[in-house]
Amino acid sequence: MGILYDARKVKAYEGLLAVGKAVGFEEEWCDRLWAEIVLSEGLYEELVYYLENHSLAEKVKCCGYSLIDLYVWQMNRYNVIGDWGKNTADCNKERMVLKAFYDMALMQKDPEGFIKKLTEGRGMDK
């Protein structure tokens, strides 16, 4: 009985760690994201594509939502929290992409709960 070693996954994990650390995520957060990504072949392929091309392939969808939809949602939340109404230079877009991956993993586990988060209003800030 031999050990199966997939160098592509090791390289993808190292790439995720490098991006995560560069944008200020702790290794533990990256490990949690990785644990979710390896459970979804689509998310894994999308991550590899992102690491190689610095853009999203747009192949993964859940209930009609894509990673770009979740990225835009992250961006809007950032703008509301910062009360800027637009992206500023300190808006870390790579950080938001990683958060979009994490959100997609959560959405795949609980679509109804996550869609509720996506669609609930922001009160006076809307």
Protein backbone atom coordinates (compact mmCIF):
# COMPACT_ATOMS: atom_id res chain seq x y z
CA MET A 1 0.00 0.00 0.00
CA GLY A 2 1.53 3.29 -1.12
CA ILE A 3 0.93 6.87 -0.18
CA LEU A 4 -0.84 9.02 -2.74
CA TYR A 5 0.81 12.41 -3.05
CA ASP A 6 -0.84 15.09 -5.16
CA ALA A 7 1.70 17.84 -5.72
CA ARG A 8 -0.95 20.02 -7.39
CA LYS A 9 -2.93 20.21 -4.16
CA VAL A 10 0.19 20.97 -2.15
CA LYS A 11 1.03 23.77 -4.59
CA ALA A 12 -2.54 25.13 -4.43
CA TYR A 13 -2.47 25.05 -0.62
CA GLU A 14 0.87 26.87 -0.58
CA GLY A 15 -0.54 29.44 -3.01
CA LEU A 16 -3.57 29.97 -0.81
CA LEU A 17 -1.35 30.41 2.24
CA ALA A 18 0.86 32.91 0.41
CA VAL A 19 -2.09 35.03 -0.73
CA GLY A 20 -3.77 34.74 2.66
CA LYS A 21 -0.71 35.81 4.59
CA ALA A 22 -0.04 38.65 2.14
CA VAL A 23 -3.50 40.10 2.83
CA GLY A 24 -3.32 39.64 6.59
CA PHE A 25 -5.15 36.37 7.27
CA GLU A 26 -3.76 34.08 9.93
CA GLU A 27 -2.65 30.63 8.84
CA GLU A 28 -5.48 29.12 10.89
CA TRP A 29 -8.06 31.06 8.83
CA CYS A 30 -6.41 29.88 5.61
CA ASP A 31 -6.48 26.31 6.92
CA ARG A 32 -10.22 26.59 7.61
CA LEU A 33 -10.75 27.90 4.08
CA TRP A 34 -8.61 25.11 2.62
CA ALA A 35 -10.60 22.49 4.55
CA GLU A 36 -13.75 23.81 2.87
CA ILE A 37 -12.19 24.10 -0.58
CA VAL A 38 -10.97 20.50 -0.72
CA LEU A 39 -14.53 19.32 -0.04
CA SER A 40 -15.72 20.94 -3.27
CA GLU A 41 -14.05 19.98 -6.54
CA GLY A 42 -15.53 23.09 -8.17
CA LEU A 43 -14.13 25.44 -5.52
CA TYR A 44 -10.76 23.72 -5.72
CA GLU A 45 -10.62 24.15 -9.51
CA GLU A 46 -11.75 27.78 -9.15
CA LEU A 47 -8.98 28.43 -6.59
CA VAL A 48 -6.34 26.92 -8.88
CA TYR A 49 -7.64 29.08 -11.73
CA TYR A 50 -7.55 32.17 -9.48
CA LEU A 51 -4.00 31.48 -8.33
CA GLU A 52 -2.81 30.99 -11.91
CA ASN A 53 -4.75 33.84 -13.58
CA HIS A 54 -5.64 36.32 -10.83
CA SER A 55 -9.23 36.27 -12.00
CA LEU A 56 -12.24 34.04 -11.40
CA ALA A 57 -13.36 31.45 -13.95
CA GLU A 58 -17.01 31.89 -12.92
CA LYS A 59 -17.75 28.16 -13.07
CA VAL A 60 -18.93 27.66 -9.49
CA LYS A 61 -22.48 28.72 -8.73
CA CYS A 62 -24.89 28.03 -5.91
CA CYS A 63 -28.57 28.93 -6.22
CA GLY A 64 -27.71 31.25 -9.09
CA TYR A 65 -24.97 33.09 -7.17
CA SER A 66 -21.36 33.03 -8.36
CA LEU A 67 -18.08 33.88 -6.67
CA ILE A 68 -18.18 37.27 -8.37
CA ASP A 69 -21.62 37.91 -6.84
CA LEU A 70 -20.19 37.10 -3.42
CA TYR A 71 -17.15 39.27 -4.12
CA VAL A 72 -19.40 42.21 -5.03
CA TRP A 73 -21.42 41.57 -1.86
CA GLN A 74 -18.16 41.69 0.14
CA MET A 75 -17.26 44.94 -1.59
CA ASN A 76 -20.65 46.49 -0.79
CA ARG A 77 -20.35 45.44 2.84
CA TYR A 78 -16.89 47.00 3.00
CA ASN A 79 -18.23 50.25 1.57
CA VAL A 80 -21.16 50.37 4.01
CA ILE A 81 -19.03 49.50 7.04
CA GLY A 82 -16.48 52.12 6.05
CA ASP A 83 -19.28 54.52 5.14
CA TRP A 84 -17.38 55.54 2.00
CA GLY A 85 -19.85 54.57 -0.70
CA LYS A 86 -16.98 53.56 -3.00
CA ASN A 87 -13.77 51.56 -2.97
CA THR A 88 -10.83 53.38 -1.53
CA ALA A 89 -7.19 52.59 -2.23
CA ASP A 90 -6.94 50.68 1.06
CA CYS A 91 -9.74 48.31 0.01
CA ASN A 92 -7.98 44.94 -0.19
CA LYS A 93 -9.62 43.18 -3.12
CA GLU A 94 -7.61 39.95 -2.80
CA ARG A 95 -8.77 39.65 0.79
CA MET A 96 -12.35 39.97 -0.43
CA VAL A 97 -11.80 37.29 -3.06
CA LEU A 98 -10.67 34.87 -0.37
CA LYS A 99 -13.69 35.81 1.72
CA ALA A 100 -15.88 35.14 -1.34
CA PHE A 101 -14.41 31.63 -1.55
CA TYR A 102 -15.19 31.07 2.11
CA ASP A 103 -18.70 32.45 1.68
CA MET A 104 -19.34 30.15 -1.29
CA ALA A 105 -18.26 27.16 0.78
CA LEU A 106 -20.69 28.21 3.52
CA MET A 107 -23.42 28.87 0.97
CA GLN A 108 -22.99 25.39 -0.51
CA LYS A 109 -23.58 23.94 2.98
CA ASP A 110 -26.57 26.14 3.87
CA PRO A 111 -27.98 27.87 0.78
CA GLU A 112 -31.16 29.17 2.41
CA GLY A 113 -29.37 30.65 5.42
CA PHE A 114 -26.73 32.29 3.30
CA ILE A 115 -29.21 33.70 0.77
CA LYS A 116 -31.03 35.27 3.71
CA LYS A 117 -27.75 36.98 4.70
CA LEU A 118 -27.25 38.17 1.13
CA THR A 119 -30.72 39.63 0.77
CA GLU A 120 -31.49 41.09 4.19
CA GLY A 121 -31.66 44.86 4.25
CA ARG A 122 -29.26 47.27 5.89
CA GLY A 123 -31.84 49.60 7.37
CA MET A 124 -30.98 53.27 6.93
CA ASP A 125 -27.61 52.49 5.33
CA LYS A 126 -29.24 50.93 2.26
